[in-house]
Amino acid sequence: MIVYEPNSNFLKDIGHLARSWTMVKIVRAVGLMGAITTAFVVPICYFELEEDFTMNSSVFSFLGIVLSILLVFRTNSAYDRWWEGRKQWGALVNHCRNLAIQAHVVLPREDKFTRHYLAVKISNFCIAFKEHLRKGVKFEELIQVSEQEMEDYRKLGHVPNYISYQIQEILQERYKAGDITDSDILNLKPHTQALLDVLGACERIKKTPIAFSYAVYIKLFILAYSAMLPFVLVAAFSYWTIPMAMFVFFAFIGVEMMAAEIEDPFGLDCNDLPTGTIAKAISDNVFELLEAKSSLGHAHKAELYEKQF
């Protein structure tokens, strides 16, 4: 996700937009559209054939309204997925902090092993979680893991699920040993269960994209509309048809591509959620709570327009 200050740097925001990979793809598509439109318009205008392409634009205007409505729905659906992902990661932050605080309060002061164990496991759960939603866990990113444990992790198909089990296992061991009371374990349970609840919700977003037929239909509609646009405009606007057609295509294809970018909010695109940054912040928080020290160093303060992963 790109860090910026809303309503503070209007022109700088627009200037930085040119560095976005999505914007590069949009510009390439618009350039191709411009080339095709030019190849169509120039011969017509040169040989003064505009009158042969005089068309009633009322139906075409109606189609533009229909396409706009479809794109609004497409954008809203994509943004709902992005915002739902952010809410789930916000809930993960809260549950991890609450779990660390309650564990710190109820565990015996001399039980430093369990405190350290929980700090490591909660941190590794979040670190493994964010890559689990991408292309698979990067085991080298996990912190303070023994060689044997690393080997065990590599054999697993779902690392965050197993780490969640390890967290609950250590708490049950402390409960059976009498270090944690019945009420303590009941208070801890909602936060340990919430780890998998958040994981499941994010997996639902990740594995259920917008219906394929709907996504393809919108793309075909945009292409068909843009391809017919020069036929409608050339009689009235002559050579000006080229920039007008490019601008209309830019508006429609831009909205579609931006929606496609945020539809999966857990990747590495410019507008995806900074789950890596959030995971590191959680790790820092739980170590400070359980051990009064940081594991990964204090969170880096991002500069303006810096990309967070």
Protein backbone atom coordinates (compact mmCIF):
# COMPACT_ATOMS: atom_id res chain seq x y z
CA MET A 1 0.00 0.00 0.00
CA ILE A 2 1.26 3.48 -0.86
CA VAL A 3 1.63 5.83 2.11
CA TYR A 4 0.24 9.31 1.46
CA GLU A 5 -1.45 12.20 3.23
CA PRO A 6 -5.07 12.66 2.07
CA ASN A 7 -5.98 16.16 0.88
CA SER A 8 -2.45 17.48 1.43
CA ASN A 9 -0.47 17.08 -1.80
CA PHE A 10 -2.90 17.14 -4.72
CA LEU A 11 -0.37 17.60 -7.52
CA LYS A 12 2.26 15.33 -5.91
CA ASP A 13 -0.35 12.59 -5.57
CA ILE A 14 -1.17 12.81 -9.25
CA GLY A 15 2.52 12.86 -10.17
CA HIS A 16 3.25 9.76 -8.12
CA LEU A 17 0.33 7.93 -9.75
CA ALA A 18 2.42 7.61 -12.89
CA ARG A 19 4.73 5.19 -11.04
CA SER A 20 1.92 2.75 -10.31
CA TRP A 21 2.15 -0.53 -12.24
CA THR A 22 -1.61 -0.45 -12.73
CA MET A 23 -1.33 3.02 -14.27
CA VAL A 24 1.43 1.77 -16.58
CA LYS A 25 -0.89 -1.00 -17.81
CA ILE A 26 -3.71 1.50 -18.26
CA VAL A 27 -1.50 3.85 -20.29
CA ARG A 28 -0.36 0.98 -22.50
CA ALA A 29 -3.95 -0.08 -23.13
CA VAL A 30 -4.98 3.52 -23.88
CA GLY A 31 -2.02 3.91 -26.22
CA LEU A 32 -3.07 0.79 -28.13
CA MET A 33 -6.61 2.13 -28.30
CA GLY A 34 -5.26 5.43 -29.64
CA ALA A 35 -3.25 3.66 -32.34
CA ILE A 36 -6.27 1.66 -33.50
CA THR A 37 -8.49 4.74 -33.48
CA THR A 38 -5.89 6.71 -35.43
CA ALA A 39 -5.69 3.98 -38.08
CA PHE A 40 -9.45 4.25 -38.45
CA VAL A 41 -9.96 8.01 -38.25
CA VAL A 42 -7.08 9.35 -40.38
CA PRO A 43 -8.13 7.71 -43.69
CA ILE A 44 -11.75 8.73 -43.13
CA CYS A 45 -10.86 12.36 -42.49
CA TYR A 46 -8.24 12.46 -45.22
CA PHE A 47 -10.70 11.25 -47.88
CA GLU A 48 -13.56 13.28 -46.32
CA LEU A 49 -15.78 10.27 -45.68
CA GLU A 50 -17.19 11.54 -42.38
CA GLU A 51 -20.73 11.79 -43.75
CA ASP A 52 -20.76 8.07 -44.42
CA PHE A 53 -20.38 7.43 -40.69
CA THR A 54 -23.13 9.69 -39.41
CA MET A 55 -24.89 7.78 -36.59
CA ASN A 56 -27.56 8.47 -34.02
CA SER A 57 -25.70 8.58 -30.70
CA SER A 58 -28.73 8.26 -28.38
CA VAL A 59 -28.54 4.46 -28.13
CA PHE A 60 -24.80 4.68 -27.68
CA SER A 61 -25.27 7.15 -24.82
CA PHE A 62 -27.67 4.73 -23.16
CA LEU A 63 -25.10 1.94 -23.45
CA GLY A 64 -22.56 4.23 -21.77
CA ILE A 65 -24.94 4.66 -18.81
CA VAL A 66 -25.41 0.89 -18.55
CA LEU A 67 -21.64 0.36 -18.62
CA SER A 68 -21.15 3.01 -15.94
CA ILE A 69 -23.65 1.26 -13.66
CA LEU A 70 -21.86 -2.06 -14.15
CA LEU A 71 -18.51 -0.45 -13.34
CA VAL A 72 -19.92 1.13 -10.18
CA PHE A 73 -21.06 -2.29 -9.00
CA ARG A 74 -17.67 -3.77 -9.96
CA THR A 75 -15.77 -1.09 -8.05
CA ASN A 76 -18.00 -1.32 -4.97
CA SER A 77 -17.64 -5.11 -4.88
CA ALA A 78 -13.85 -4.88 -5.13
CA TYR A 79 -13.62 -2.15 -2.47
CA ASP A 80 -15.86 -4.15 -0.11
CA ARG A 81 -13.40 -7.02 -0.35
CA TRP A 82 -10.46 -4.67 0.28
CA TRP A 83 -12.13 -3.06 3.30
CA GLU A 84 -13.27 -6.42 4.70
CA GLY A 85 -9.67 -7.61 4.53
CA ARG A 86 -8.50 -4.51 6.39
CA LYS A 87 -11.13 -5.01 9.09
CA GLN A 88 -10.06 -8.61 9.54
CA TRP A 89 -6.42 -7.63 9.95
CA GLY A 90 -7.47 -4.90 12.37
CA ALA A 91 -9.30 -7.55 14.38
CA LEU A 92 -6.17 -9.72 14.29
CA VAL A 93 -4.13 -6.86 15.77
CA ASN A 94 -6.62 -6.44 18.62
CA HIS A 95 -6.90 -10.15 19.42
CA CYS A 96 -3.12 -10.65 19.41
CA ARG A 97 -2.63 -7.73 21.77
CA ASN A 98 -5.43 -8.89 24.07
CA LEU A 99 -4.05 -12.42 24.07
CA ALA A 100 -0.59 -11.14 24.97
CA ILE A 101 -1.91 -8.85 27.71
CA GLN A 102 -4.09 -11.51 29.33
CA ALA A 103 -1.34 -14.12 29.13
CA HIS A 104 1.08 -11.68 30.71
CA VAL A 105 -1.35 -10.99 33.56
CA VAL A 106 -2.39 -14.56 34.38
CA LEU A 107 0.93 -16.39 33.97
CA PRO A 108 3.22 -16.67 37.01
CA ARG A 109 5.89 -13.98 37.07
CA GLU A 110 8.67 -16.55 37.09
CA ASP A 111 7.34 -18.35 33.98
CA LYS A 112 9.48 -16.51 31.45
CA PHE A 113 9.61 -19.52 29.14
CA THR A 114 5.89 -19.49 28.40
CA ARG A 115 5.89 -15.74 27.89
CA HIS A 116 8.72 -15.97 25.38
CA TYR A 117 7.14 -19.00 23.70
CA LEU A 118 3.83 -17.20 23.24
CA ALA A 119 5.51 -14.04 21.92
CA VAL A 120 7.38 -16.09 19.32
CA LYS A 121 4.33 -18.15 18.29
CA ILE A 122 1.97 -15.18 17.98
CA SER A 123 4.58 -13.34 15.92
CA ASN A 124 5.20 -16.32 13.67
CA PHE A 125 1.47 -16.89 13.24
CA CYS A 126 1.10 -13.39 11.79
CA ILE A 127 4.26 -13.62 9.67
CA ALA A 128 3.22 -16.99 8.26
CA PHE A 129 -0.37 -15.79 7.83
CA LYS A 130 0.47 -12.86 5.55
CA GLU A 131 2.53 -15.07 3.19
CA HIS A 132 -0.04 -17.87 3.39
CA LEU A 133 -2.43 -15.42 1.70
CA ARG A 134 0.13 -14.73 -1.04
CA LYS A 135 2.22 -17.51 -2.60
CA GLY A 136 3.09 -19.63 0.40
CA VAL A 137 4.94 -19.21 3.68
CA LYS A 138 8.49 -17.85 3.49
CA PHE A 139 10.09 -19.95 6.22
CA GLU A 140 13.20 -17.80 6.38
CA GLU A 141 11.07 -14.90 7.69
CA LEU A 142 9.95 -16.83 10.79
CA ILE A 143 11.73 -15.74 13.95
CA GLN A 144 13.53 -17.80 16.58
CA VAL A 145 12.66 -21.20 15.09
CA SER A 146 14.87 -24.21 15.72
CA GLU A 147 16.10 -26.36 12.86
CA GLN A 148 13.88 -29.26 13.92
CA GLU A 149 10.83 -27.03 14.16
CA MET A 150 11.63 -25.48 10.79
CA GLU A 151 11.83 -28.95 9.28
CA ASP A 152 8.45 -29.80 10.80
CA TYR A 153 6.91 -26.60 9.41
CA ARG A 154 8.15 -27.38 5.92
CA LYS A 155 6.20 -30.64 5.94
CA LEU A 156 2.92 -28.88 6.71
CA GLY A 157 0.32 -27.77 4.22
CA HIS A 158 -1.09 -25.08 6.51
CA VAL A 159 1.55 -23.51 8.77
CA PRO A 160 -0.63 -20.81 10.45
CA ASN A 161 -3.14 -23.47 11.44
CA TYR A 162 -0.42 -25.50 13.18
CA ILE A 163 1.05 -22.48 14.97
CA SER A 164 -2.42 -21.66 16.29
CA TYR A 165 -2.56 -25.20 17.66
CA GLN A 166 0.83 -24.69 19.35
CA ILE A 167 -0.46 -21.52 21.06
CA GLN A 168 -3.52 -23.28 22.43
CA GLU A 169 -1.44 -26.32 23.41
CA ILE A 170 0.95 -24.35 25.64
CA LEU A 171 -1.97 -22.58 27.33
CA GLN A 172 -3.69 -25.92 28.01
CA GLU A 173 -0.44 -27.27 29.47
CA ARG A 174 -0.21 -24.30 31.84
CA TYR A 175 -3.87 -24.81 32.75
CA LYS A 176 -3.38 -28.50 33.57
CA ALA A 177 -0.30 -27.59 35.59
CA GLY A 178 -2.43 -25.24 37.70
CA ASP A 179 -0.70 -22.05 36.56
CA ILE A 180 -3.91 -20.81 34.91
CA THR A 181 -7.37 -20.96 36.47
CA ASP A 182 -10.67 -21.96 34.90
CA SER A 183 -11.77 -18.35 34.45
CA ASP A 184 -8.38 -17.44 32.98
CA ILE A 185 -8.55 -20.13 30.30
CA LEU A 186 -12.11 -19.09 29.44
CA ASN A 187 -11.00 -15.47 29.04
CA LEU A 188 -8.09 -16.50 26.82
CA LYS A 189 -10.16 -18.83 24.64
CA PRO A 190 -11.99 -16.19 22.51
CA HIS A 191 -8.68 -14.63 21.49
CA THR A 192 -7.01 -17.92 20.56
CA GLN A 193 -10.08 -18.98 18.58
CA ALA A 194 -10.21 -15.58 16.86
CA LEU A 195 -6.85 -16.25 15.20
CA LEU A 196 -8.40 -18.96 13.03
CA ASP A 197 -11.63 -17.00 12.60
CA VAL A 198 -9.67 -14.13 11.04
CA LEU A 199 -7.61 -16.59 9.00
CA GLY A 200 -10.75 -18.26 7.65
CA ALA A 201 -12.36 -14.94 6.75
CA CYS A 202 -9.26 -13.83 4.81
CA GLU A 203 -9.04 -17.19 3.04
CA ARG A 204 -12.66 -16.74 1.99
CA ILE A 205 -11.81 -13.37 0.42
CA LYS A 206 -8.67 -14.77 -1.20
CA LYS A 207 -10.25 -17.90 -2.67
CA THR A 208 -13.56 -16.43 -3.83
CA PRO A 209 -12.91 -13.80 -6.50
CA ILE A 210 -15.71 -12.10 -8.37
CA ALA A 211 -17.57 -14.50 -10.67
CA PHE A 212 -15.47 -15.16 -13.77
CA SER A 213 -18.32 -14.67 -16.24
CA TYR A 214 -19.18 -11.30 -14.71
CA ALA A 215 -15.58 -10.08 -14.79
CA VAL A 216 -15.10 -11.15 -18.41
CA TYR A 217 -18.44 -9.68 -19.47
CA ILE A 218 -17.46 -6.22 -18.18
CA LYS A 219 -14.14 -6.38 -20.04
CA LEU A 220 -15.88 -7.39 -23.27
CA PHE A 221 -18.45 -4.62 -22.80
CA ILE A 222 -15.70 -2.01 -22.36
CA LEU A 223 -13.82 -3.25 -25.43
CA ALA A 224 -16.95 -3.37 -27.59
CA TYR A 225 -18.10 0.08 -26.46
CA SER A 226 -14.68 1.60 -27.05
CA ALA A 227 -14.33 -0.07 -30.46
CA MET A 228 -17.67 1.40 -31.63
CA LEU A 229 -17.01 4.86 -30.18
CA PRO A 230 -15.00 6.23 -33.16
CA PHE A 231 -17.86 5.36 -35.53
CA VAL A 232 -20.16 7.62 -33.51
CA LEU A 233 -17.74 10.50 -32.97
CA VAL A 234 -15.88 10.82 -36.26
CA ALA A 235 -18.64 12.62 -38.15
CA ALA A 236 -18.97 15.34 -35.51
CA PHE A 237 -15.40 15.66 -34.23
CA SER A 238 -13.14 14.61 -37.11
CA TYR A 239 -9.52 14.25 -35.87
CA TRP A 240 -10.60 15.13 -32.33
CA THR A 241 -12.19 11.69 -32.24
CA ILE A 242 -8.78 10.22 -31.43
CA PRO A 243 -8.13 11.97 -28.07
CA MET A 244 -11.82 11.78 -27.11
CA ALA A 245 -11.98 8.03 -27.70
CA MET A 246 -8.73 7.57 -25.78
CA PHE A 247 -10.03 9.58 -22.84
CA VAL A 248 -13.31 7.65 -22.64
CA PHE A 249 -11.41 4.36 -22.82
CA PHE A 250 -9.00 5.63 -20.15
CA ALA A 251 -11.93 6.32 -17.81
CA PHE A 252 -13.59 2.94 -18.26
CA ILE A 253 -10.55 0.67 -18.41
CA GLY A 254 -8.93 2.54 -15.51
CA VAL A 255 -11.86 1.86 -13.21
CA GLU A 256 -11.91 -1.80 -14.23
CA MET A 257 -8.17 -2.31 -13.71
CA MET A 258 -8.15 -0.56 -10.34
CA ALA A 259 -11.05 -2.74 -9.21
CA ALA A 260 -9.15 -5.83 -10.37
CA GLU A 261 -6.08 -4.68 -8.40
CA ILE A 262 -7.84 -4.31 -5.04
CA GLU A 263 -10.07 -7.34 -5.51
CA ASP A 264 -7.33 -9.46 -3.92
CA PRO A 265 -6.14 -7.16 -1.10
CA PHE A 266 -3.42 -9.45 0.25
CA GLY A 267 -0.93 -9.33 -2.63
CA LEU A 268 1.97 -7.02 -3.44
CA ASP A 269 0.27 -4.48 -5.71
CA CYS A 270 0.55 -0.78 -4.93
CA ASN A 271 -2.90 -0.58 -3.36
CA ASP A 272 -2.93 -3.92 -1.54
CA LEU A 273 -2.99 -4.06 2.24
CA PRO A 274 0.38 -3.73 4.05
CA THR A 275 -0.05 -7.06 5.82
CA GLY A 276 3.70 -7.48 6.23
CA THR A 277 3.97 -4.15 8.04
CA ILE A 278 0.98 -5.05 10.23
CA ALA A 279 2.48 -8.46 11.06
CA LYS A 280 5.76 -6.83 12.13
CA ALA A 281 3.88 -4.32 14.27
CA ILE A 282 1.98 -7.14 15.99
CA SER A 283 5.25 -8.97 16.66
CA ASP A 284 6.75 -5.84 18.17
CA ASN A 285 3.67 -5.29 20.32
CA VAL A 286 3.47 -8.80 21.77
CA PHE A 287 7.18 -8.92 22.60
CA GLU A 288 6.91 -5.58 24.37
CA LEU A 289 3.92 -6.84 26.34
CA LEU A 290 5.26 -10.28 27.24
CA GLU A 291 8.98 -9.58 27.53
CA ALA A 292 9.24 -5.78 27.73
CA LYS A 293 11.44 -5.77 24.65
CA SER A 294 11.09 -5.73 20.87
CA SER A 295 11.75 -8.68 18.58
CA LEU A 296 12.07 -6.96 15.23
CA GLY A 297 12.87 -3.39 16.17
CA HIS A 298 10.39 -0.57 16.30
CA ALA A 299 8.17 -0.15 13.28
CA HIS A 300 9.73 1.77 10.43
CA LYS A 301 8.11 5.14 9.85
CA ALA A 302 7.26 5.16 6.18
CA GLU A 303 8.10 8.16 4.06
CA LEU A 304 5.56 9.87 1.86
CA TYR A 305 4.71 7.69 -1.19
CA GLU A 306 6.73 4.78 0.19
CA LYS A 307 5.22 1.40 -0.55
CA GLN A 308 4.44 -0.85 2.39
CA PHE A 309 4.10 -4.59 1.87
